[in-house]
Amino acid sequence: MSSKRVGEVLKLFISKSGVSERIEKDQITLNELGVVEDKFYNKNIQRSVLIASIDSYNLIKNYNLEMPLGYLGENILLDYNPYTLEVGTKLKIGSATLEITQHCTICNHLAVIDVKLPTLLKDDRGIFAKVINEGEIKNGNEVYIVGL
């Protein structure tokens, strides 16, 4: 199976129940139920991993707005923009393989920072993926599109 390197992992995050801020991690573990230790683990397999691009944060900065990394709810922040990839596209990151299942809808919680954010990020919040092959993902891991 052929693959194409497209970028790398910049940051990794998990959410914990009862904790409002995202927890930054050096490494996350994924299995067929999602991101181990994340509050959304085993909730919805089709939406078990959220991937975002640094481009979303840069877009916000272009409007002189600031938002902390992780605020989009992402588990994986990339230096690559995957938002135009089609549903069914597979990504190899670290030892895990993910399959894009849907584009992320915008959350109104972003309006807490600025009322313009939900509109600005309408098509640039992230993509959801499910785990095809479990594994570990670390900061700095390369990202590949597989099955080209």
C-alpha atoms as a PDB file:
ATOM      1  CA  MET A   1       0.000   0.000   0.000  1.00  0.00           C
ATOM      2  CA  SER A   2       1.476   3.344  -1.001  1.00  0.00           C
ATOM      3  CA  SER A   3       1.530   6.394   1.234  1.00  0.00           C
ATOM      4  CA  LYS A   4       2.331  10.084   0.995  1.00  0.00           C
ATOM      5  CA  ARG A   5       3.855  12.143   3.815  1.00  0.00           C
ATOM      6  CA  VAL A   6       1.794  15.291   4.340  1.00  0.00           C
ATOM      7  CA  GLY A   7       2.812  16.718   7.701  1.00  0.00           C
ATOM      8  CA  GLU A   8       3.476  16.111  11.361  1.00  0.00           C
ATOM      9  CA  VAL A   9       1.872  16.193  14.784  1.00  0.00           C
ATOM     10  CA  LEU A  10       2.353  19.499  16.620  1.00  0.00           C
ATOM     11  CA  LYS A  11       0.351  18.858  19.815  1.00  0.00           C
ATOM     12  CA  LEU A  12      -1.780  16.146  21.407  1.00  0.00           C
ATOM     13  CA  PHE A  13      -4.674  16.641  23.831  1.00  0.00           C
ATOM     14  CA  ILE A  14      -7.254  14.750  25.841  1.00  0.00           C
ATOM     15  CA  SER A  15     -10.340  15.883  27.723  1.00  0.00           C
ATOM     16  CA  LYS A  16     -11.193  14.707  31.214  1.00  0.00           C
ATOM     17  CA  SER A  17     -14.626  14.786  32.803  1.00  0.00           C
ATOM     18  CA  GLY A  18     -14.936  17.645  35.257  1.00  0.00           C
ATOM     19  CA  VAL A  19     -11.896  19.463  33.838  1.00  0.00           C
ATOM     20  CA  SER A  20     -12.673  22.452  31.609  1.00  0.00           C
ATOM     21  CA  GLU A  21      -9.220  22.849  30.061  1.00  0.00           C
ATOM     22  CA  ARG A  22      -7.710  20.417  27.587  1.00  0.00           C
ATOM     23  CA  ILE A  23      -4.818  18.349  28.904  1.00  0.00           C
ATOM     24  CA  GLU A  24      -1.735  18.425  26.706  1.00  0.00           C
ATOM     25  CA  LYS A  25       0.034  15.078  26.279  1.00  0.00           C
ATOM     26  CA  ASP A  26       3.363  13.997  24.770  1.00  0.00           C
ATOM     27  CA  GLN A  27       1.737  10.758  23.601  1.00  0.00           C
ATOM     28  CA  ILE A  28      -1.752   9.323  23.246  1.00  0.00           C
ATOM     29  CA  THR A  29      -2.881   5.721  22.925  1.00  0.00           C
ATOM     30  CA  LEU A  30      -5.665   4.803  20.518  1.00  0.00           C
ATOM     31  CA  ASN A  31      -7.696   1.631  20.136  1.00  0.00           C
ATOM     32  CA  GLU A  32     -10.926   0.712  18.366  1.00  0.00           C
ATOM     33  CA  LEU A  33     -12.916   2.667  20.990  1.00  0.00           C
ATOM     34  CA  GLY A  34     -11.008   5.932  20.564  1.00  0.00           C
ATOM     35  CA  VAL A  35      -8.410   7.858  22.551  1.00  0.00           C
ATOM     36  CA  VAL A  36      -7.636   6.013  25.787  1.00  0.00           C
ATOM     37  CA  GLU A  37      -8.138   8.270  28.867  1.00  0.00           C
ATOM     38  CA  ASP A  38     -10.245  10.802  26.903  1.00  0.00           C
ATOM     39  CA  LYS A  39     -13.736  11.557  28.252  1.00  0.00           C
ATOM     40  CA  PHE A  40     -15.204  10.717  24.832  1.00  0.00           C
ATOM     41  CA  TYR A  41     -13.603   7.240  24.799  1.00  0.00           C
ATOM     42  CA  ASN A  42     -16.167   4.585  23.794  1.00  0.00           C
ATOM     43  CA  LYS A  43     -18.906   7.192  23.202  1.00  0.00           C
ATOM     44  CA  ASN A  44     -19.215   7.368  19.412  1.00  0.00           C
ATOM     45  CA  ILE A  45     -16.758   5.325  17.334  1.00  0.00           C
ATOM     46  CA  GLN A  46     -17.355   7.487  14.237  1.00  0.00           C
ATOM     47  CA  ARG A  47     -16.335  10.623  16.176  1.00  0.00           C
ATOM     48  CA  SER A  48     -13.700   9.109  18.459  1.00  0.00           C
ATOM     49  CA  VAL A  49     -10.716  11.243  17.340  1.00  0.00           C
ATOM     50  CA  LEU A  50     -10.816  14.937  16.439  1.00  0.00           C
ATOM     51  CA  ILE A  51      -8.021  16.216  14.197  1.00  0.00           C
ATOM     52  CA  ALA A  52      -7.412  19.935  13.669  1.00  0.00           C
ATOM     53  CA  SER A  53      -4.923  22.027  11.725  1.00  0.00           C
ATOM     54  CA  ILE A  54      -2.750  24.868  12.967  1.00  0.00           C
ATOM     55  CA  ASP A  55      -4.275  26.725   9.995  1.00  0.00           C
ATOM     56  CA  SER A  56      -7.458  27.167  12.059  1.00  0.00           C
ATOM     57  CA  TYR A  57      -5.556  28.982  14.779  1.00  0.00           C
ATOM     58  CA  ASN A  58      -3.677  31.068  12.190  1.00  0.00           C
ATOM     59  CA  LEU A  59      -6.986  32.044  10.571  1.00  0.00           C
ATOM     60  CA  ILE A  60      -8.182  33.326  13.919  1.00  0.00           C
ATOM     61  CA  LYS A  61      -4.968  35.317  14.420  1.00  0.00           C
ATOM     62  CA  ASN A  62      -5.569  37.001  11.050  1.00  0.00           C
ATOM     63  CA  TYR A  63      -8.637  38.569  12.674  1.00  0.00           C
ATOM     64  CA  ASN A  64      -6.570  39.713  15.671  1.00  0.00           C
ATOM     65  CA  LEU A  65      -8.181  37.110  17.909  1.00  0.00           C
ATOM     66  CA  GLU A  66      -6.374  34.718  20.231  1.00  0.00           C
ATOM     67  CA  MET A  67      -7.436  31.219  21.157  1.00  0.00           C
ATOM     68  CA  PRO A  68      -5.381  28.699  23.144  1.00  0.00           C
ATOM     69  CA  LEU A  69      -4.231  25.557  21.326  1.00  0.00           C
ATOM     70  CA  GLY A  70      -6.589  22.694  22.116  1.00  0.00           C
ATOM     71  CA  TYR A  71      -9.624  24.971  22.351  1.00  0.00           C
ATOM     72  CA  LEU A  72     -11.144  23.480  19.196  1.00  0.00           C
ATOM     73  CA  GLY A  73     -11.446  20.214  21.123  1.00  0.00           C
ATOM     74  CA  GLU A  74      -8.872  18.440  19.011  1.00  0.00           C
ATOM     75  CA  ASN A  75      -6.996  15.357  20.121  1.00  0.00           C
ATOM     76  CA  ILE A  76      -4.411  15.825  17.383  1.00  0.00           C
ATOM     77  CA  LEU A  77      -3.134  19.177  16.097  1.00  0.00           C
ATOM     78  CA  LEU A  78      -1.276  19.001  12.779  1.00  0.00           C
ATOM     79  CA  ASP A  79       0.919  21.341  10.755  1.00  0.00           C
ATOM     80  CA  TYR A  80      -1.090  20.004   7.772  1.00  0.00           C
ATOM     81  CA  ASN A  81      -4.631  20.998   6.820  1.00  0.00           C
ATOM     82  CA  PRO A  82      -6.697  17.813   6.313  1.00  0.00           C
ATOM     83  CA  TYR A  83     -10.080  19.543   5.986  1.00  0.00           C
ATOM     84  CA  THR A  84     -10.414  18.920   2.240  1.00  0.00           C
ATOM     85  CA  LEU A  85      -9.763  15.182   2.520  1.00  0.00           C
ATOM     86  CA  GLU A  86     -12.717  12.992   1.669  1.00  0.00           C
ATOM     87  CA  VAL A  87     -14.572  10.791   4.124  1.00  0.00           C
ATOM     88  CA  GLY A  88     -12.919   7.361   3.996  1.00  0.00           C
ATOM     89  CA  THR A  89      -9.387   8.733   3.581  1.00  0.00           C
ATOM     90  CA  LYS A  90      -6.926   6.885   5.810  1.00  0.00           C
ATOM     91  CA  LEU A  91      -4.150   8.584   7.774  1.00  0.00           C
ATOM     92  CA  LYS A  92      -1.174   6.808   9.310  1.00  0.00           C
ATOM     93  CA  ILE A  93       0.136   8.685  12.339  1.00  0.00           C
ATOM     94  CA  GLY A  94       2.719   7.036  14.555  1.00  0.00           C
ATOM     95  CA  SER A  95       1.743   3.376  14.823  1.00  0.00           C
ATOM     96  CA  ALA A  96      -2.003   4.106  14.470  1.00  0.00           C
ATOM     97  CA  THR A  97      -4.173   4.261  11.359  1.00  0.00           C
ATOM     98  CA  LEU A  98      -7.250   6.495  11.314  1.00  0.00           C
ATOM     99  CA  GLU A  99     -10.090   6.841   8.820  1.00  0.00           C
ATOM    100  CA  ILE A 100     -11.853  10.160   8.287  1.00  0.00           C
ATOM    101  CA  THR A 101     -15.549   9.748   9.074  1.00  0.00           C
ATOM    102  CA  GLN A 102     -16.968  13.288   8.929  1.00  0.00           C
ATOM    103  CA  HIS A 103     -16.166  16.968   9.017  1.00  0.00           C
ATOM    104  CA  CYS A 104     -16.636  18.627  12.362  1.00  0.00           C
ATOM    105  CA  THR A 105     -19.570  20.906  12.878  1.00  0.00           C
ATOM    106  CA  ILE A 106     -18.944  24.191  14.615  1.00  0.00           C
ATOM    107  CA  CYS A 107     -19.620  24.526  18.339  1.00  0.00           C
ATOM    108  CA  ASN A 108     -21.173  27.635  19.780  1.00  0.00           C
ATOM    109  CA  HIS A 109     -18.807  27.464  22.784  1.00  0.00           C
ATOM    110  CA  LEU A 110     -16.316  29.262  20.522  1.00  0.00           C
ATOM    111  CA  ALA A 111     -18.456  32.388  20.818  1.00  0.00           C
ATOM    112  CA  VAL A 112     -17.196  32.717  24.400  1.00  0.00           C
ATOM    113  CA  ILE A 113     -13.909  33.992  22.930  1.00  0.00           C
ATOM    114  CA  ASP A 114     -15.566  36.080  20.215  1.00  0.00           C
ATOM    115  CA  VAL A 115     -19.042  36.002  18.644  1.00  0.00           C
ATOM    116  CA  LYS A 116     -17.426  35.900  15.160  1.00  0.00           C
ATOM    117  CA  LEU A 117     -15.543  32.636  15.776  1.00  0.00           C
ATOM    118  CA  PRO A 118     -18.332  30.146  14.932  1.00  0.00           C
ATOM    119  CA  THR A 119     -18.785  31.865  11.552  1.00  0.00           C
ATOM    120  CA  LEU A 120     -15.052  32.247  10.879  1.00  0.00           C
ATOM    121  CA  LEU A 121     -14.364  28.576  11.588  1.00  0.00           C
ATOM    122  CA  LYS A 122     -17.510  27.168   9.973  1.00  0.00           C
ATOM    123  CA  ASP A 123     -15.513  24.963   7.575  1.00  0.00           C
ATOM    124  CA  ASP A 124     -12.206  25.012   9.455  1.00  0.00           C
ATOM    125  CA  ARG A 125     -12.769  23.472  12.883  1.00  0.00           C
ATOM    126  CA  GLY A 126     -11.548  19.934  12.245  1.00  0.00           C
ATOM    127  CA  ILE A 127     -12.340  16.433  11.078  1.00  0.00           C
ATOM    128  CA  PHE A 128     -13.468  13.360  12.951  1.00  0.00           C
ATOM    129  CA  ALA A 129     -11.834   9.987  12.475  1.00  0.00           C
ATOM    130  CA  LYS A 130     -12.231   6.461  13.761  1.00  0.00           C
ATOM    131  CA  VAL A 131      -9.367   4.150  14.675  1.00  0.00           C
ATOM    132  CA  ILE A 132      -8.652   1.452  12.072  1.00  0.00           C
ATOM    133  CA  ASN A 133      -5.393   0.135  13.598  1.00  0.00           C
ATOM    134  CA  GLU A 134      -4.673   0.863  17.234  1.00  0.00           C
ATOM    135  CA  GLY A 135      -1.374   2.353  18.282  1.00  0.00           C
ATOM    136  CA  GLU A 136       0.527   5.213  19.862  1.00  0.00           C
ATOM    137  CA  ILE A 137       0.831   8.756  18.533  1.00  0.00           C
ATOM    138  CA  LYS A 138       3.554  11.088  19.785  1.00  0.00           C
ATOM    139  CA  ASN A 139       4.320  14.744  19.256  1.00  0.00           C
ATOM    140  CA  GLY A 140       6.455  15.095  16.135  1.00  0.00           C
ATOM    141  CA  ASN A 141       5.149  11.907  14.469  1.00  0.00           C
ATOM    142  CA  GLU A 142       4.840  12.192  10.721  1.00  0.00           C
ATOM    143  CA  VAL A 143       1.407  12.044   9.080  1.00  0.00           C
ATOM    144  CA  TYR A 144       0.836   9.977   5.936  1.00  0.00           C
ATOM    145  CA  ILE A 145      -2.158   9.567   3.656  1.00  0.00           C
ATOM    146  CA  VAL A 146      -2.300   5.826   2.931  1.00  0.00           C
ATOM    147  CA  GLY A 147      -3.861   3.795   0.170  1.00  0.00           C
ATOM    148  CA  LEU A 148      -3.248   6.251  -2.631  1.00  0.00           C
END
